[in-house]
Amino acid sequence: MSTLYNQADSNKRLTWVYITGFLVFVIGVGYVFAQVMGNSWILYGAVIFSTLMSFGSYWWSDKIVLSMSGAKEITHDNARELYHLVENLCITAGLPLPKIYIIEDSAPNAFATGRDPEHGVICFTTGIIQKLEKAELEGVIAHELSHIGNRDILLSTVIVVLVGFVTLLADWFRHWAFWGGRDNENSGGQLRVILMIAAIVLSILAPIAALLMQLAISRKREFLADASGALLTRYPEGLARALEKISADQAPLEAANRATAHLYISNPFKGKKISKLFQTHPPIEERVAKLRDLNI
């Protein structure tokens, strides 16, 4: 079984695999679009922009997410009990103490961010602190620390940025194709028409494929963090009960949005039924069942 102790290296390798694959993909897409539009600078611009976005997301993603969520940092003096719970589990896990943030919201939820364990951040809503018992809250903290220790956050951040860029590129090309490209579609002969059709199809399918890849990775990460968190506390039932309570609470999280939803321990959008294929999280029932099947 993958654990907190052996998954970090795997995620680091996967991160570079995805970055490399993404750059190759962007070069290919940029080439097709450049051929259709008759402008080689599109290819150069796509590669340069995607590279800058990848590195920018690595350095500043945590600040962007925290700002979007309206989170405020807490200290030992103004939240001692929570601070000590996080501190004790960090000692057990052998991780640096992350910064701790609070979102003023009655919906129970939490997430972790940061590019590596030395720059980790855990964020809790006031609702999760008020509504969970100590053992349940410890299970949630352990889950989020597992994300940090496994370097899930780095992998997740890279994937989010790559998906966003692919979508942006596809939207931009579709806009050009339907509003600016029609005058030139017959100027290059049959090959140009074929490339135009291929580019339009690619602009529609690429964001969908990228999104499905992101969601599949996100769901796998949640199962792994559940198992790693249970290993850390040696008490899977605490996290299982926490997930049940969070899921049963129907208050929507006002601070969440589509860009950050996958980061939370449980889907922050309550009462919305969507296909399993497009869910950011595995069903709570499956997660709880797997936790209660663990032999720790």
Protein backbone atom coordinates (compact mmCIF):
# COMPACT_ATOMS: atom_id res chain seq x y z
CA MET A 1 0.00 0.00 0.00
CA SER A 2 1.26 3.52 -0.82
CA THR A 3 1.88 5.52 2.34
CA LEU A 4 2.94 8.90 3.60
CA TYR A 5 6.51 7.65 3.54
CA ASN A 6 6.92 6.43 -0.03
CA GLN A 7 4.49 8.47 -2.15
CA ALA A 8 6.37 11.79 -2.14
CA ASP A 9 9.06 10.58 -4.57
CA SER A 10 6.43 9.10 -6.86
CA ASN A 11 4.49 12.37 -6.96
CA LYS A 12 7.66 14.36 -7.66
CA ARG A 13 8.42 12.08 -10.61
CA LEU A 14 4.83 12.33 -11.84
CA THR A 15 5.01 16.11 -11.62
CA TRP A 16 7.94 16.24 -14.02
CA VAL A 17 6.29 13.65 -16.27
CA TYR A 18 3.15 15.79 -16.51
CA ILE A 19 5.11 19.01 -17.04
CA THR A 20 7.16 17.39 -19.81
CA GLY A 21 4.11 15.79 -21.39
CA PHE A 22 2.22 19.05 -21.17
CA LEU A 23 4.99 21.03 -22.88
CA VAL A 24 5.11 18.43 -25.67
CA PHE A 25 1.32 18.65 -25.95
CA VAL A 26 1.41 22.48 -26.10
CA ILE A 27 4.11 22.38 -28.78
CA GLY A 28 1.94 20.02 -30.83
CA VAL A 29 -1.20 22.09 -30.39
CA GLY A 30 0.72 25.28 -31.04
CA TYR A 31 2.14 23.80 -34.23
CA VAL A 32 -1.30 22.87 -35.55
CA PHE A 33 -2.74 26.27 -34.68
CA ALA A 34 0.29 28.06 -36.17
CA GLN A 35 -0.10 26.14 -39.44
CA VAL A 36 -3.80 26.96 -39.64
CA MET A 37 -3.34 30.62 -38.77
CA GLY A 38 -0.16 31.05 -40.79
CA ASN A 39 1.76 32.57 -37.87
CA SER A 40 4.75 30.75 -36.34
CA TRP A 41 4.80 33.16 -33.38
CA ILE A 42 1.75 31.34 -32.02
CA LEU A 43 3.91 28.27 -31.43
CA TYR A 44 6.66 30.26 -29.70
CA GLY A 45 4.15 32.19 -27.64
CA ALA A 46 2.33 29.04 -26.50
CA VAL A 47 5.55 27.40 -25.31
CA ILE A 48 6.84 30.51 -23.51
CA PHE A 49 3.48 31.28 -21.89
CA SER A 50 2.89 27.70 -20.72
CA THR A 51 6.40 27.55 -19.21
CA LEU A 52 5.89 30.83 -17.35
CA MET A 53 2.49 29.68 -16.08
CA SER A 54 3.94 26.40 -14.80
CA PHE A 55 6.71 28.06 -12.83
CA GLY A 56 4.45 30.89 -11.67
CA SER A 57 1.95 28.42 -10.28
CA TYR A 58 4.72 26.61 -8.43
CA TRP A 59 5.86 29.74 -6.59
CA TRP A 60 2.60 31.62 -5.96
CA SER A 61 -0.30 29.13 -6.09
CA ASP A 62 -0.71 28.97 -2.29
CA LYS A 63 -1.03 32.75 -1.99
CA ILE A 64 -3.54 32.86 -4.83
CA VAL A 65 -5.69 30.08 -3.32
CA LEU A 66 -5.66 31.63 0.17
CA SER A 67 -6.57 35.04 -1.22
CA MET A 68 -9.43 33.58 -3.27
CA SER A 69 -10.72 31.79 -0.16
CA GLY A 70 -10.59 34.81 2.16
CA ALA A 71 -8.46 32.85 4.64
CA LYS A 72 -6.71 34.49 7.61
CA GLU A 73 -3.59 33.16 9.33
CA ILE A 74 -3.83 32.18 13.00
CA THR A 75 -1.11 31.92 15.64
CA HIS A 76 -0.47 29.88 18.78
CA ASP A 77 -1.94 32.66 20.93
CA ASN A 78 -5.34 32.96 19.23
CA ALA A 79 -6.03 29.25 18.51
CA ARG A 80 -3.99 27.20 20.95
CA GLU A 81 -5.97 23.95 20.86
CA LEU A 82 -5.98 23.72 17.06
CA TYR A 83 -2.33 24.79 16.92
CA HIS A 84 -1.30 22.03 19.34
CA LEU A 85 -3.26 19.36 17.44
CA VAL A 86 -1.46 20.27 14.21
CA GLU A 87 1.90 20.55 15.97
CA ASN A 88 1.64 17.12 17.63
CA LEU A 89 0.70 15.36 14.40
CA CYS A 90 3.52 17.11 12.55
CA ILE A 91 5.97 15.73 15.10
CA THR A 92 4.54 12.24 14.59
CA ALA A 93 4.72 12.58 10.80
CA GLY A 94 8.20 14.14 10.82
CA LEU A 95 6.94 17.19 8.94
CA PRO A 96 7.65 20.90 9.46
CA LEU A 97 4.80 22.80 11.11
CA PRO A 98 2.70 24.36 8.32
CA LYS A 99 1.10 27.75 8.51
CA ILE A 100 -2.49 27.49 9.76
CA TYR A 101 -5.32 29.52 8.25
CA ILE A 102 -9.01 29.93 9.10
CA ILE A 103 -11.98 30.68 6.84
CA GLU A 104 -14.97 32.23 8.56
CA ASP A 105 -17.67 29.89 7.28
CA SER A 106 -20.13 27.58 9.04
CA ALA A 107 -19.71 24.78 6.46
CA PRO A 108 -17.26 22.14 7.78
CA ASN A 109 -14.31 21.70 5.45
CA ALA A 110 -10.52 21.98 5.17
CA PHE A 111 -7.73 21.94 2.60
CA ALA A 112 -3.94 22.00 2.30
CA THR A 113 -1.77 23.94 -0.12
CA GLY A 114 1.86 24.95 -0.58
CA ARG A 115 4.58 23.84 -2.98
CA ASP A 116 6.45 21.56 -0.53
CA PRO A 117 6.48 20.53 3.16
CA GLU A 118 8.68 23.52 4.06
CA HIS A 119 6.03 25.89 2.65
CA GLY A 120 2.92 23.93 3.63
CA VAL A 121 -0.39 25.52 4.61
CA ILE A 122 -3.47 23.96 6.21
CA CYS A 123 -6.73 25.86 6.13
CA PHE A 124 -9.84 25.09 8.21
CA THR A 125 -13.31 26.58 8.22
CA THR A 126 -14.69 27.73 11.55
CA GLY A 127 -17.49 25.23 10.95
CA ILE A 128 -15.20 22.19 10.96
CA ILE A 129 -13.54 23.32 14.19
CA GLN A 130 -16.88 23.84 15.92
CA LYS A 131 -18.70 20.73 14.66
CA LEU A 132 -16.11 17.94 14.94
CA GLU A 133 -14.91 16.13 18.03
CA LYS A 134 -11.20 16.06 18.82
CA ALA A 135 -10.53 12.59 17.32
CA GLU A 136 -12.45 13.54 14.18
CA LEU A 137 -10.56 16.81 13.79
CA GLU A 138 -7.28 14.94 14.26
CA GLY A 139 -8.30 12.64 11.41
CA VAL A 140 -8.90 15.66 9.16
CA ILE A 141 -5.57 17.25 10.13
CA ALA A 142 -3.75 13.97 9.46
CA HIS A 143 -5.43 13.74 6.05
CA GLU A 144 -4.26 17.25 5.12
CA LEU A 145 -0.75 16.65 6.45
CA SER A 146 -0.64 13.54 4.28
CA HIS A 147 -1.36 15.70 1.22
CA ILE A 148 1.60 17.86 2.19
CA GLY A 149 3.90 14.94 3.00
CA ASN A 150 2.95 13.07 -0.17
CA ARG A 151 3.57 16.27 -2.19
CA ASP A 152 0.08 15.91 -3.61
CA ILE A 153 -0.21 19.70 -3.54
CA LEU A 154 2.65 20.22 -5.98
CA LEU A 155 1.23 17.64 -8.38
CA SER A 156 -2.29 19.02 -8.03
CA THR A 157 -1.18 22.61 -8.57
CA VAL A 158 0.72 21.76 -11.73
CA ILE A 159 -2.24 19.82 -13.14
CA VAL A 160 -4.70 22.65 -12.34
CA VAL A 161 -2.53 25.21 -14.13
CA LEU A 162 -2.00 22.96 -17.14
CA VAL A 163 -5.71 22.24 -17.46
CA GLY A 164 -6.47 25.95 -17.18
CA PHE A 165 -3.97 26.81 -19.90
CA VAL A 166 -5.24 24.14 -22.29
CA THR A 167 -8.78 25.45 -21.80
CA LEU A 168 -7.65 29.05 -22.37
CA LEU A 169 -5.79 28.10 -25.54
CA ALA A 170 -8.76 26.12 -26.87
CA ASP A 171 -11.23 28.93 -26.15
CA TRP A 172 -8.98 31.46 -27.84
CA PHE A 173 -8.61 29.34 -30.97
CA ARG A 174 -12.33 28.61 -31.25
CA HIS A 175 -13.01 32.34 -31.03
CA TRP A 176 -10.50 32.99 -33.81
CA ALA A 177 -11.82 30.13 -35.95
CA PHE A 178 -15.40 31.35 -35.90
CA TRP A 179 -14.77 35.09 -36.02
CA GLY A 180 -11.37 35.68 -37.56
CA GLY A 181 -10.38 32.58 -39.49
CA ARG A 182 -13.15 32.16 -42.02
CA ASP A 183 -11.66 34.64 -44.47
CA ASN A 184 -8.49 32.54 -44.71
CA GLU A 185 -9.84 29.02 -44.57
CA ASN A 186 -9.73 28.54 -48.36
CA SER A 187 -6.43 30.31 -48.98
CA GLY A 188 -4.18 27.33 -48.26
CA GLY A 189 -5.85 24.55 -50.18
CA GLN A 190 -7.03 21.17 -48.97
CA LEU A 191 -4.29 20.72 -46.35
CA ARG A 192 -5.22 23.97 -44.65
CA VAL A 193 -8.88 22.94 -44.49
CA ILE A 194 -7.91 19.59 -42.93
CA LEU A 195 -5.71 21.34 -40.38
CA MET A 196 -8.52 23.79 -39.60
CA ILE A 197 -10.95 20.93 -38.91
CA ALA A 198 -8.35 19.09 -36.82
CA ALA A 199 -7.60 22.23 -34.81
CA ILE A 200 -11.27 22.89 -34.08
CA VAL A 201 -11.81 19.28 -32.97
CA LEU A 202 -8.67 19.48 -30.84
CA SER A 203 -9.80 22.75 -29.26
CA ILE A 204 -13.05 21.06 -28.18
CA LEU A 205 -11.69 17.70 -27.00
CA ALA A 206 -8.40 18.79 -25.38
CA PRO A 207 -9.97 20.69 -22.42
CA ILE A 208 -12.34 17.78 -21.73
CA ALA A 209 -9.49 15.27 -21.74
CA ALA A 210 -7.39 17.54 -19.53
CA LEU A 211 -10.26 18.02 -17.07
CA LEU A 212 -10.96 14.29 -16.82
CA MET A 213 -7.27 13.68 -16.14
CA GLN A 214 -7.32 16.30 -13.38
CA LEU A 215 -10.40 14.81 -11.74
CA ALA A 216 -9.04 11.26 -11.90
CA ILE A 217 -5.81 12.36 -10.23
CA SER A 218 -7.74 14.32 -7.60
CA ARG A 219 -9.87 11.29 -6.67
CA LYS A 220 -6.83 9.02 -6.41
CA ARG A 221 -5.11 11.57 -4.15
CA GLU A 222 -8.05 11.59 -1.74
CA PHE A 223 -7.98 7.80 -1.27
CA LEU A 224 -4.25 7.90 -0.66
CA ALA A 225 -4.47 10.78 1.83
CA ASP A 226 -7.26 8.97 3.71
CA ALA A 227 -5.08 5.86 4.09
CA SER A 228 -1.96 7.85 4.97
CA GLY A 229 -3.88 9.97 7.48
CA ALA A 230 -5.31 6.88 9.16
CA LEU A 231 -1.81 5.42 9.37
CA LEU A 232 -0.62 8.64 11.02
CA THR A 233 -3.29 8.72 13.76
CA ARG A 234 -3.61 4.92 14.04
CA TYR A 235 -7.36 5.54 14.32
CA PRO A 236 -9.21 5.30 10.97
CA GLU A 237 -12.60 5.66 12.67
CA GLY A 238 -11.87 9.28 13.57
CA LEU A 239 -11.50 10.33 9.93
CA ALA A 240 -14.38 8.08 8.86
CA ARG A 241 -16.75 9.80 11.31
CA ALA A 242 -15.43 13.21 10.27
CA LEU A 243 -16.16 12.50 6.60
CA GLU A 244 -19.68 11.34 7.46
CA LYS A 245 -20.37 14.53 9.45
CA ILE A 246 -18.91 16.79 6.76
CA SER A 247 -20.93 15.04 4.08
CA ALA A 248 -24.17 15.16 6.09
CA ASP A 249 -23.84 18.90 6.72
CA GLN A 250 -25.74 20.60 3.89
CA ALA A 251 -24.36 24.11 4.35
CA PRO A 252 -22.56 25.14 1.11
CA LEU A 253 -19.10 26.62 1.44
CA GLU A 254 -19.37 30.21 0.21
CA ALA A 255 -15.59 30.65 -0.18
CA ALA A 256 -15.21 27.73 -2.60
CA ASN A 257 -15.20 27.96 -6.39
CA ARG A 258 -14.60 25.61 -9.31
CA ALA A 259 -10.88 26.35 -9.37
CA THR A 260 -10.33 25.41 -5.70
CA ALA A 261 -13.05 22.79 -5.08
CA HIS A 262 -10.72 19.81 -5.62
CA LEU A 263 -8.42 20.99 -2.80
CA TYR A 264 -10.98 20.49 -0.02
CA ILE A 265 -11.28 17.28 1.98
CA SER A 266 -14.89 16.93 0.82
CA ASN A 267 -16.80 18.39 -2.12
CA PRO A 268 -17.74 21.94 -0.99
CA PHE A 269 -20.71 22.15 -3.35
CA LYS A 270 -23.57 20.42 -1.56
CA GLY A 271 -26.83 19.26 -3.09
CA LYS A 272 -25.56 19.13 -6.68
CA LYS A 273 -25.74 15.73 -8.35
CA ILE A 274 -23.15 15.20 -11.08
CA SER A 275 -21.75 12.20 -12.89
CA LYS A 276 -19.05 10.28 -11.05
CA LEU A 277 -16.81 10.93 -14.04
CA PHE A 278 -16.85 14.67 -13.30
CA GLN A 279 -16.65 14.52 -9.50
CA THR A 280 -13.62 16.09 -7.83
CA HIS A 281 -13.84 13.62 -4.90
CA PRO A 282 -14.64 9.92 -4.54
CA PRO A 283 -18.05 9.20 -2.98
CA ILE A 284 -17.93 9.57 0.80
CA GLU A 285 -19.45 6.09 1.21
CA GLU A 286 -16.50 4.53 -0.64
CA ARG A 287 -13.95 6.50 1.36
CA VAL A 288 -15.55 5.59 4.69
CA ALA A 289 -15.82 1.91 3.70
CA LYS A 290 -12.14 1.77 2.74
CA LEU A 291 -11.14 3.44 6.03
CA ARG A 292 -13.14 0.96 8.08
CA ASP A 293 -11.57 -1.92 6.15
CA LEU A 294 -8.05 -0.87 7.10
CA ASN A 295 -6.17 -3.06 9.55
CA ILE A 296 -3.97 -0.72 11.56
